[in-house]
Amino acid sequence: MTHIAQIRIAATYMRGGTSKGVFFKLDDLPESTRVPGAARDALLQRVIGSPDPYGKQIDGMGGATSSTSKAVIVERSTRPDHDVDYLFGQVSIDKPFVDWSGNCGNLSAAVGPFAIANGLVDPARVPRDGVAVVRIWQANIGKTIVAHVPMTGGQVQETGDFDLDGVTFPAAEVQLEFMDPAAEEEGAGQGGNTAMFPTGNLVDELDVPGVGSLRATMINAGIPTIFIEAGALGYDGTELQDAINGDARALAMFETIRAHGALRMGLIASIEDAGKRQHTPKVAFVARAAGYVSSSGKEVAQGDVDLLVRALSMGKLHHAMMGTAAVAIGAAAAVPGTLVNLAAGGGERTAVRFGHPSGTLRVGAEAIEQGGAWSVSKAIMSRSARVLMEGRVCVPGNAF
């Protein structure tokens, strides 16, 4: 009886922020998968364990959540003033596709450490002790991320005392700067409209069949995001995952809002296209600050936060907050009059601390208005990253 032998591909399994993913150097991939296309998508699906009708990803590296169904490809950059190019794939759990339309802000924290550890950064730019500054080109959306990676004794420092809500154990802090997060190169992943507010308005009336007319702030910063007021949906902003993810009607409502918001933002040509673009845009709901108990049992006091935000990713309420959505929150909060800004109390601000299901997160951003158009020079936040396993990932030789 003949059988197909497995092949082994060098890979690193890493946590970045509140996400996990399988990291590859481009040159380590099988030759046919070093370029975008069906072979690459098939390989990454098999690595992660998708599509899985059981929704568990038992036969792969995925963890059956949007936060753990991810793959990253990194290579040396040929772009001026950049060290590496970083490509992110959000692997659908139960459907046969990989969404390349956006970035993962959490895994962005692991790109710098991975690049240094794998010799992709010029050694002359990496101090033996101190902080290495890694200049990353985010290839999905054509943006620059600057990672500040701590170094000790010539090695990336991974352990430390930096606590990140949504991550059980402390680690070393990695500061990220998302440069010009509302700008996008022509033809890059998310569509042609490069305006920070693609509709031209800070607040729109979004008509959603079966839901009603909702006030919405739709922003393209970090990742395209649709912000809705929690109260308009019958929520108070303190909800945890079970309150949303166990309610099929609520999930269907949010997907309908997401689809119609995507159409209004010009990200899709028809409502039917929304199903082919699960990673973007995100949909989130905001509320004024209030106290609640986080998913870990930690009490978050009203005075600990400026506002509450809950966001959905790949059709489910996220257990914490997507890094790119945090950039969108920071950018929207910096613009007086958006729903995010109003939930935080209004006025001018350069940083907010918001409450999410796992706790709190602070993000900074500075917004500038010129000629009636808003822009953000950069958004800043801190995450952490750590290697969980390194070696080789195995897939059947006919998997791609």
Protein backbone atom coordinates (compact mmCIF):
# COMPACT_ATOMS: atom_id res chain seq x y z
CA MET A 1 0.00 0.00 0.00
CA THR A 2 1.44 3.36 -1.02
CA HIS A 3 1.35 6.38 1.20
CA ILE A 4 2.29 10.05 1.05
CA ALA A 5 5.26 10.92 3.23
CA GLN A 6 5.22 14.02 5.39
CA ILE A 7 7.51 16.94 4.70
CA ARG A 8 9.13 19.01 7.43
CA ILE A 9 9.37 22.79 7.23
CA ALA A 10 11.41 25.00 9.56
CA ALA A 11 9.01 27.08 11.65
CA THR A 12 8.61 28.86 14.97
CA TYR A 13 5.45 28.88 17.06
CA MET A 14 5.21 32.27 18.79
CA ARG A 15 2.93 34.28 21.00
CA GLY A 16 2.66 37.92 20.13
CA GLY A 17 0.42 40.05 22.33
CA THR A 18 -2.79 38.10 22.91
CA SER A 19 -2.42 35.98 19.76
CA LYS A 20 -0.39 32.94 18.67
CA GLY A 21 0.80 31.95 15.22
CA VAL A 22 3.20 29.86 13.16
CA PHE A 23 6.12 31.94 11.82
CA PHE A 24 8.11 31.09 8.70
CA LYS A 25 11.09 32.57 6.92
CA LEU A 26 10.08 32.93 3.29
CA ASP A 27 13.17 31.02 2.09
CA ASP A 28 12.28 28.04 4.28
CA LEU A 29 8.94 27.48 2.56
CA PRO A 30 8.63 24.91 -0.26
CA GLU A 31 9.45 26.65 -3.52
CA SER A 32 5.90 26.61 -4.93
CA THR A 33 4.60 28.37 -1.80
CA ARG A 34 7.10 31.22 -1.78
CA VAL A 35 4.75 33.26 -3.95
CA PRO A 36 1.12 34.18 -3.25
CA GLY A 37 -1.44 31.75 -4.59
CA ALA A 38 -3.38 28.54 -4.10
CA ALA A 39 -0.34 26.44 -3.10
CA ARG A 40 0.64 28.82 -0.31
CA ASP A 41 -2.92 29.05 0.98
CA ALA A 42 -3.30 25.26 0.94
CA LEU A 43 -0.04 24.77 2.83
CA LEU A 44 -0.92 27.24 5.57
CA GLN A 45 -4.40 25.77 5.96
CA ARG A 46 -2.90 22.31 6.43
CA VAL A 47 -0.32 23.61 8.91
CA ILE A 48 -3.03 25.27 10.99
CA GLY A 49 -5.53 22.41 10.59
CA SER A 50 -8.19 23.99 8.37
CA PRO A 51 -10.79 23.77 7.09
CA ASP A 52 -12.18 21.82 10.02
CA PRO A 53 -15.94 21.12 10.07
CA TYR A 54 -15.57 20.22 13.75
CA GLY A 55 -14.20 23.70 14.44
CA LYS A 56 -11.36 22.38 16.63
CA GLN A 57 -8.27 22.32 14.37
CA ILE A 58 -7.17 19.12 16.12
CA ASP A 59 -5.05 18.05 13.14
CA GLY A 60 -2.96 21.21 13.02
CA MET A 61 -1.29 23.99 14.97
CA GLY A 62 -4.36 26.20 15.28
CA GLY A 63 -6.24 26.71 18.51
CA ALA A 64 -9.78 26.97 17.11
CA THR A 65 -10.10 30.72 17.76
CA SER A 66 -9.39 33.75 15.60
CA SER A 67 -6.51 34.59 17.97
CA THR A 68 -4.78 31.26 17.35
CA SER A 69 -5.51 30.54 13.68
CA LYS A 70 -2.72 32.63 12.19
CA ALA A 71 0.41 32.35 10.05
CA VAL A 72 3.26 34.79 9.41
CA ILE A 73 5.89 34.93 6.65
CA VAL A 74 8.98 37.11 7.13
CA GLU A 75 11.84 37.94 4.76
CA ARG A 76 14.67 40.45 4.47
CA SER A 77 13.39 43.71 3.03
CA THR A 78 14.72 45.35 -0.10
CA ARG A 79 12.86 48.55 0.72
CA PRO A 80 14.91 51.55 1.84
CA ASP A 81 14.95 52.09 5.62
CA HIS A 82 13.28 48.74 6.38
CA ASP A 83 14.78 45.58 7.85
CA VAL A 84 12.14 42.98 7.06
CA ASP A 85 8.90 42.47 5.17
CA TYR A 86 6.12 40.85 7.16
CA LEU A 87 3.07 39.14 5.67
CA PHE A 88 0.16 37.96 7.81
CA GLY A 89 -2.44 35.31 6.98
CA GLN A 90 -5.65 34.87 8.97
CA VAL A 91 -6.61 31.24 8.40
CA SER A 92 -10.31 30.52 8.44
CA ILE A 93 -11.18 27.78 10.91
CA ASP A 94 -14.05 26.08 9.11
CA LYS A 95 -13.80 27.40 5.54
CA PRO A 96 -11.10 26.75 2.91
CA PHE A 97 -9.43 30.13 2.63
CA VAL A 98 -6.77 32.40 4.06
CA ASP A 99 -7.63 36.09 4.47
CA TRP A 100 -4.73 38.37 3.51
CA SER A 101 -6.71 41.63 3.72
CA GLY A 102 -5.31 42.97 6.98
CA ASN A 103 -2.59 42.93 9.62
CA CYS A 104 -2.47 41.34 13.06
CA GLY A 105 -1.36 43.98 15.52
CA ASN A 106 -0.71 41.44 18.25
CA LEU A 107 1.57 39.22 16.18
CA SER A 108 3.34 42.37 14.98
CA ALA A 109 5.02 42.33 18.40
CA ALA A 110 6.66 39.00 17.59
CA VAL A 111 7.98 39.95 14.15
CA GLY A 112 10.96 41.95 15.44
CA PRO A 113 12.09 39.25 17.89
CA PHE A 114 11.65 36.54 15.23
CA ALA A 115 13.59 38.55 12.65
CA ILE A 116 16.53 39.15 15.01
CA ALA A 117 16.66 35.55 16.24
CA ASN A 118 16.63 34.26 12.65
CA GLY A 119 19.38 36.52 11.34
CA LEU A 120 17.12 38.66 9.15
CA VAL A 121 18.30 41.96 10.67
CA ASP A 122 21.76 43.41 9.97
CA PRO A 123 23.84 42.50 13.06
CA ALA A 124 25.31 46.01 13.02
CA ARG A 125 21.84 47.31 13.90
CA VAL A 126 21.36 44.96 16.85
CA PRO A 127 23.01 45.97 20.16
CA ARG A 128 24.32 43.30 22.52
CA ASP A 129 22.43 44.98 25.37
CA GLY A 130 19.73 47.59 25.20
CA VAL A 131 16.95 48.00 22.64
CA ALA A 132 17.08 46.96 18.99
CA VAL A 133 14.95 49.06 16.66
CA VAL A 134 13.49 46.86 13.92
CA ARG A 135 11.88 48.58 10.95
CA ILE A 136 9.11 46.36 9.58
CA TRP A 137 7.24 46.68 6.30
CA GLN A 138 3.71 45.32 6.82
CA ALA A 139 3.12 43.91 3.35
CA ASN A 140 -0.62 43.19 3.63
CA ILE A 141 -1.53 46.84 3.92
CA GLY A 142 1.61 48.72 2.93
CA LYS A 143 2.51 50.31 6.27
CA THR A 144 5.58 50.68 8.45
CA ILE A 145 5.79 49.33 11.99
CA VAL A 146 8.74 50.11 14.22
CA ALA A 147 9.39 47.53 16.94
CA HIS A 148 11.57 48.25 19.97
CA VAL A 149 12.95 44.87 21.00
CA PRO A 150 14.87 44.46 24.29
CA MET A 151 18.25 42.69 24.04
CA THR A 152 20.32 41.08 26.79
CA GLY A 153 23.69 39.42 26.23
CA GLY A 154 23.25 39.40 22.47
CA GLN A 155 19.90 37.58 22.63
CA VAL A 156 16.34 38.78 22.38
CA GLN A 157 15.02 39.24 25.91
CA GLU A 158 11.70 37.43 26.20
CA THR A 159 11.11 37.24 29.95
CA GLY A 160 10.38 40.23 32.13
CA ASP A 161 7.83 41.88 34.38
CA PHE A 162 5.55 43.50 31.80
CA ASP A 163 1.94 42.42 32.37
CA LEU A 164 -0.51 42.38 29.47
CA ASP A 165 -4.17 41.72 30.23
CA GLY A 166 -5.24 38.66 28.29
CA VAL A 167 -1.84 36.97 28.75
CA THR A 168 -1.36 34.85 31.86
CA PHE A 169 2.34 35.35 32.53
CA PRO A 170 4.53 38.50 32.48
CA ALA A 171 7.18 38.94 29.79
CA ALA A 172 9.49 41.56 28.30
CA GLU A 173 7.85 44.69 26.92
CA VAL A 174 7.98 45.31 23.17
CA GLN A 175 6.90 48.81 22.19
CA LEU A 176 5.32 49.17 18.76
CA GLU A 177 4.95 52.29 16.66
CA PHE A 178 2.39 52.00 13.86
CA MET A 179 3.53 54.73 11.49
CA ASP A 180 0.94 56.73 9.55
CA PRO A 181 -1.67 54.05 10.38
CA ALA A 182 -4.48 55.61 8.36
CA ALA A 183 -2.45 55.69 5.12
CA GLU A 184 -2.26 52.87 2.64
CA GLU A 185 -0.31 52.23 -0.51
CA GLU A 186 -2.22 52.07 -3.76
CA GLY A 187 -3.28 48.49 -4.37
CA ALA A 188 -2.39 47.27 -0.86
CA GLY A 189 -4.74 44.79 0.76
CA GLN A 190 -7.66 46.82 2.00
CA GLY A 191 -9.05 48.65 -1.01
CA GLY A 192 -8.61 51.86 -2.92
CA ASN A 193 -9.94 54.51 -0.50
CA THR A 194 -6.99 55.77 1.53
CA ALA A 195 -8.96 58.28 3.63
CA MET A 196 -8.92 57.79 7.39
CA PHE A 197 -12.71 58.24 7.34
CA PRO A 198 -13.66 56.67 4.00
CA THR A 199 -17.24 57.99 4.05
CA GLY A 200 -16.02 61.52 4.72
CA ASN A 201 -17.92 61.66 8.02
CA LEU A 202 -16.93 61.18 11.64
CA VAL A 203 -20.35 59.68 12.35
CA ASP A 204 -22.72 58.12 9.80
CA GLU A 205 -26.21 56.72 9.92
CA LEU A 206 -25.73 53.12 8.86
CA ASP A 207 -28.90 51.41 7.69
CA VAL A 208 -28.77 47.70 8.48
CA PRO A 209 -31.68 45.52 7.32
CA GLY A 210 -33.30 43.71 10.20
CA VAL A 211 -31.37 45.82 12.74
CA GLY A 212 -32.27 49.43 12.01
CA SER A 213 -30.44 52.70 11.54
CA LEU A 214 -27.32 52.86 13.69
CA ARG A 215 -24.91 55.69 14.37
CA ALA A 216 -21.49 54.47 13.29
CA THR A 217 -17.92 55.73 13.11
CA MET A 218 -16.16 53.95 10.26
CA ILE A 219 -12.41 54.41 10.27
CA ASN A 220 -9.43 53.05 8.37
CA ALA A 221 -6.57 53.20 10.85
CA GLY A 222 -4.66 50.13 11.95
CA ILE A 223 -7.43 48.06 10.40
CA PRO A 224 -10.79 49.13 8.93
CA THR A 225 -13.19 49.21 11.86
CA ILE A 226 -16.88 49.99 12.36
CA PHE A 227 -17.69 51.43 15.79
CA ILE A 228 -21.29 51.26 17.07
CA GLU A 229 -22.76 52.51 20.36
CA ALA A 230 -23.32 49.61 22.76
CA GLY A 231 -26.65 50.96 23.95
CA ALA A 232 -28.06 51.01 20.44
CA LEU A 233 -27.57 47.24 20.32
CA GLY A 234 -28.93 46.54 23.79
CA TYR A 235 -25.53 46.16 25.46
CA ASP A 236 -23.72 48.13 28.16
CA GLY A 237 -20.14 47.48 27.08
CA THR A 238 -19.21 45.22 30.02
CA GLU A 239 -20.05 41.99 28.16
CA LEU A 240 -17.65 39.05 28.16
CA GLN A 241 -17.31 36.42 25.43
CA ASP A 242 -20.09 34.08 26.53
CA ALA A 243 -22.68 36.84 26.42
CA ILE A 244 -22.08 37.29 22.69
CA ASN A 245 -20.55 34.09 21.37
CA GLY A 246 -23.27 31.94 22.86
CA ASP A 247 -25.98 33.99 21.12
CA ALA A 248 -26.38 32.94 17.49
CA ARG A 249 -28.81 35.78 16.79
CA ALA A 250 -26.32 38.36 18.11
CA LEU A 251 -23.50 36.93 15.99
CA ALA A 252 -25.71 37.05 12.90
CA MET A 253 -26.60 40.67 13.72
CA PHE A 254 -22.96 41.68 14.03
CA GLU A 255 -22.09 39.97 10.74
CA THR A 256 -24.91 41.86 9.02
CA ILE A 257 -23.62 45.14 10.48
CA ARG A 258 -20.11 44.25 9.37
CA ALA A 259 -21.22 43.46 5.82
CA HIS A 260 -23.19 46.67 5.37
CA GLY A 261 -20.42 48.72 6.97
CA ALA A 262 -17.87 47.15 4.61
CA LEU A 263 -20.04 48.11 1.66
CA ARG A 264 -20.43 51.68 2.94
CA MET A 265 -16.65 51.94 3.45
CA GLY A 266 -16.01 50.81 -0.12
CA LEU A 267 -14.17 47.66 0.96
CA ILE A 268 -16.46 45.34 -1.00
CA ALA A 269 -18.50 45.74 -4.18
CA SER A 270 -21.56 43.83 -2.95
CA ILE A 271 -22.94 42.41 0.29
CA GLU A 272 -22.20 38.90 -0.97
CA ASP A 273 -18.47 39.72 -1.00
CA ALA A 274 -18.37 40.15 2.80
CA GLY A 275 -18.14 36.40 3.33
CA LYS A 276 -14.91 36.30 1.31
CA ARG A 277 -13.36 38.97 3.52
CA GLN A 278 -13.76 37.77 7.10
CA HIS A 279 -10.69 39.45 8.60
CA THR A 280 -11.69 43.00 7.66
CA PRO A 281 -13.41 45.18 8.56
CA LYS A 282 -13.79 44.67 12.28
CA VAL A 283 -16.94 45.66 14.13
CA ALA A 284 -16.83 46.96 17.70
CA PHE A 285 -19.19 48.53 20.19
CA VAL A 286 -18.29 51.28 22.65
CA ALA A 287 -19.70 52.61 25.91
CA ARG A 288 -18.76 55.08 28.61
CA ALA A 289 -16.49 53.90 31.41
CA ALA A 290 -18.00 51.52 33.94
CA GLY A 291 -16.75 48.94 36.38
CA TYR A 292 -16.89 45.22 35.60
CA VAL A 293 -15.18 41.92 36.37
CA SER A 294 -12.87 40.73 33.59
CA SER A 295 -12.73 37.18 32.24
CA SER A 296 -9.85 36.35 34.63
CA GLY A 297 -11.85 37.52 37.65
CA LYS A 298 -9.89 40.76 37.91
CA GLU A 299 -11.97 43.77 38.88
CA VAL A 300 -11.78 46.75 36.55
CA ALA A 301 -12.96 49.92 38.27
CA GLN A 302 -14.73 52.70 36.43
CA GLY A 303 -11.81 55.00 37.18
CA ASP A 304 -9.34 52.57 35.60
CA VAL A 305 -10.55 53.25 32.06
CA ASP A 306 -11.67 56.09 29.81
CA LEU A 307 -14.21 53.96 27.94
CA LEU A 308 -15.27 50.38 27.22
CA VAL A 309 -14.76 48.62 23.90
CA ARG A 310 -15.74 45.16 22.76
CA ALA A 311 -14.69 43.95 19.29
CA LEU A 312 -15.47 40.96 17.10
CA SER A 313 -12.90 39.09 15.06
CA MET A 314 -13.70 36.38 12.50
CA GLY A 315 -17.31 36.32 13.64
CA LYS A 316 -16.74 36.01 17.39
CA LEU A 317 -16.23 38.43 20.29
CA HIS A 318 -12.49 38.68 20.88
CA HIS A 319 -11.20 37.55 24.27
CA ALA A 320 -9.17 40.76 24.65
CA MET A 321 -8.48 43.26 21.84
CA MET A 322 -6.89 42.89 18.43
CA GLY A 323 -3.77 45.04 18.22
CA THR A 324 -4.81 46.65 14.96
CA ALA A 325 -8.25 47.42 16.40
CA ALA A 326 -6.50 49.05 19.36
CA VAL A 327 -4.77 51.33 16.84
CA ALA A 328 -8.18 52.15 15.37
CA ILE A 329 -9.49 52.89 18.88
CA GLY A 330 -6.56 55.21 19.62
CA ALA A 331 -6.91 57.02 16.31
CA ALA A 332 -10.67 57.44 16.62
CA ALA A 333 -10.37 58.61 20.23
CA ALA A 334 -7.94 61.33 19.13
CA VAL A 335 -10.51 62.85 16.75
CA PRO A 336 -13.13 64.97 18.57
CA GLY A 337 -16.67 63.93 17.66
CA THR A 338 -16.23 60.25 16.79
CA LEU A 339 -18.27 57.74 18.77
CA VAL A 340 -15.07 56.48 20.38
CA ASN A 341 -14.03 59.99 21.37
CA LEU A 342 -17.49 60.79 22.74
CA ALA A 343 -17.60 57.56 24.76
CA ALA A 344 -14.28 58.60 26.30
CA GLY A 345 -15.75 61.95 27.32
CA GLY A 346 -15.04 64.01 24.21
CA GLY A 347 -12.47 66.73 23.61
CA GLU A 348 -8.85 66.51 22.51
CA ARG A 349 -6.76 63.59 23.74
CA THR A 350 -3.53 61.88 22.76
CA ALA A 351 -4.08 58.58 24.58
CA VAL A 352 -6.87 56.45 26.02
CA ARG A 353 -7.07 53.47 28.31
CA PHE A 354 -9.98 51.27 27.38
CA GLY A 355 -11.57 48.26 29.02
CA HIS A 356 -11.90 44.99 27.09
CA PRO A 357 -13.06 41.51 28.18
CA SER A 358 -9.66 40.55 29.63
CA GLY A 359 -8.81 43.86 31.29
CA THR A 360 -7.41 47.18 30.10
CA LEU A 361 -5.06 48.51 27.44
CA ARG A 362 -3.54 51.92 26.82
CA VAL A 363 -2.93 53.21 23.29
CA GLY A 364 -1.63 56.59 22.20
CA ALA A 365 -2.23 58.47 18.95
CA GLU A 366 -2.03 62.05 17.74
CA ALA A 367 -4.50 63.21 15.11
CA ILE A 368 -4.08 66.21 12.83
CA GLU A 369 -6.75 67.92 10.69
CA GLN A 370 -5.64 69.55 7.47
CA GLY A 371 -8.05 70.86 4.90
CA GLY A 372 -10.93 69.02 6.52
CA ALA A 373 -9.14 65.66 6.37
CA TRP A 374 -7.82 63.83 9.41
CA SER A 375 -4.56 61.91 9.67
CA VAL A 376 -2.54 60.21 12.40
CA SER A 377 1.26 60.33 12.31
CA LYS A 378 1.63 57.23 14.46
CA ALA A 379 -0.03 55.14 17.13
CA ILE A 380 1.92 53.63 20.00
CA MET A 381 1.24 50.70 22.30
CA SER A 382 3.14 48.05 24.19
CA ARG A 383 2.80 44.29 23.82
CA SER A 384 5.05 41.31 24.57
CA ALA A 385 6.19 38.27 22.63
CA ARG A 386 7.73 34.89 23.31
CA VAL A 387 8.88 31.80 21.42
CA LEU A 388 6.71 28.84 22.41
CA MET A 389 8.31 26.20 20.20
CA GLU A 390 10.79 26.09 17.38
CA GLY A 391 11.86 23.39 14.99
CA ARG A 392 9.89 21.93 12.09
CA VAL A 393 6.20 21.71 11.33
CA CYS A 394 5.04 18.59 9.47
CA VAL A 395 2.42 18.33 6.72
CA PRO A 396 1.59 15.57 4.20
CA GLY A 397 3.55 16.01 1.00
CA ASN A 398 0.38 16.36 -1.09
CA ALA A 399 -1.10 19.10 1.10
CA PHE A 400 -0.37 21.91 -1.37
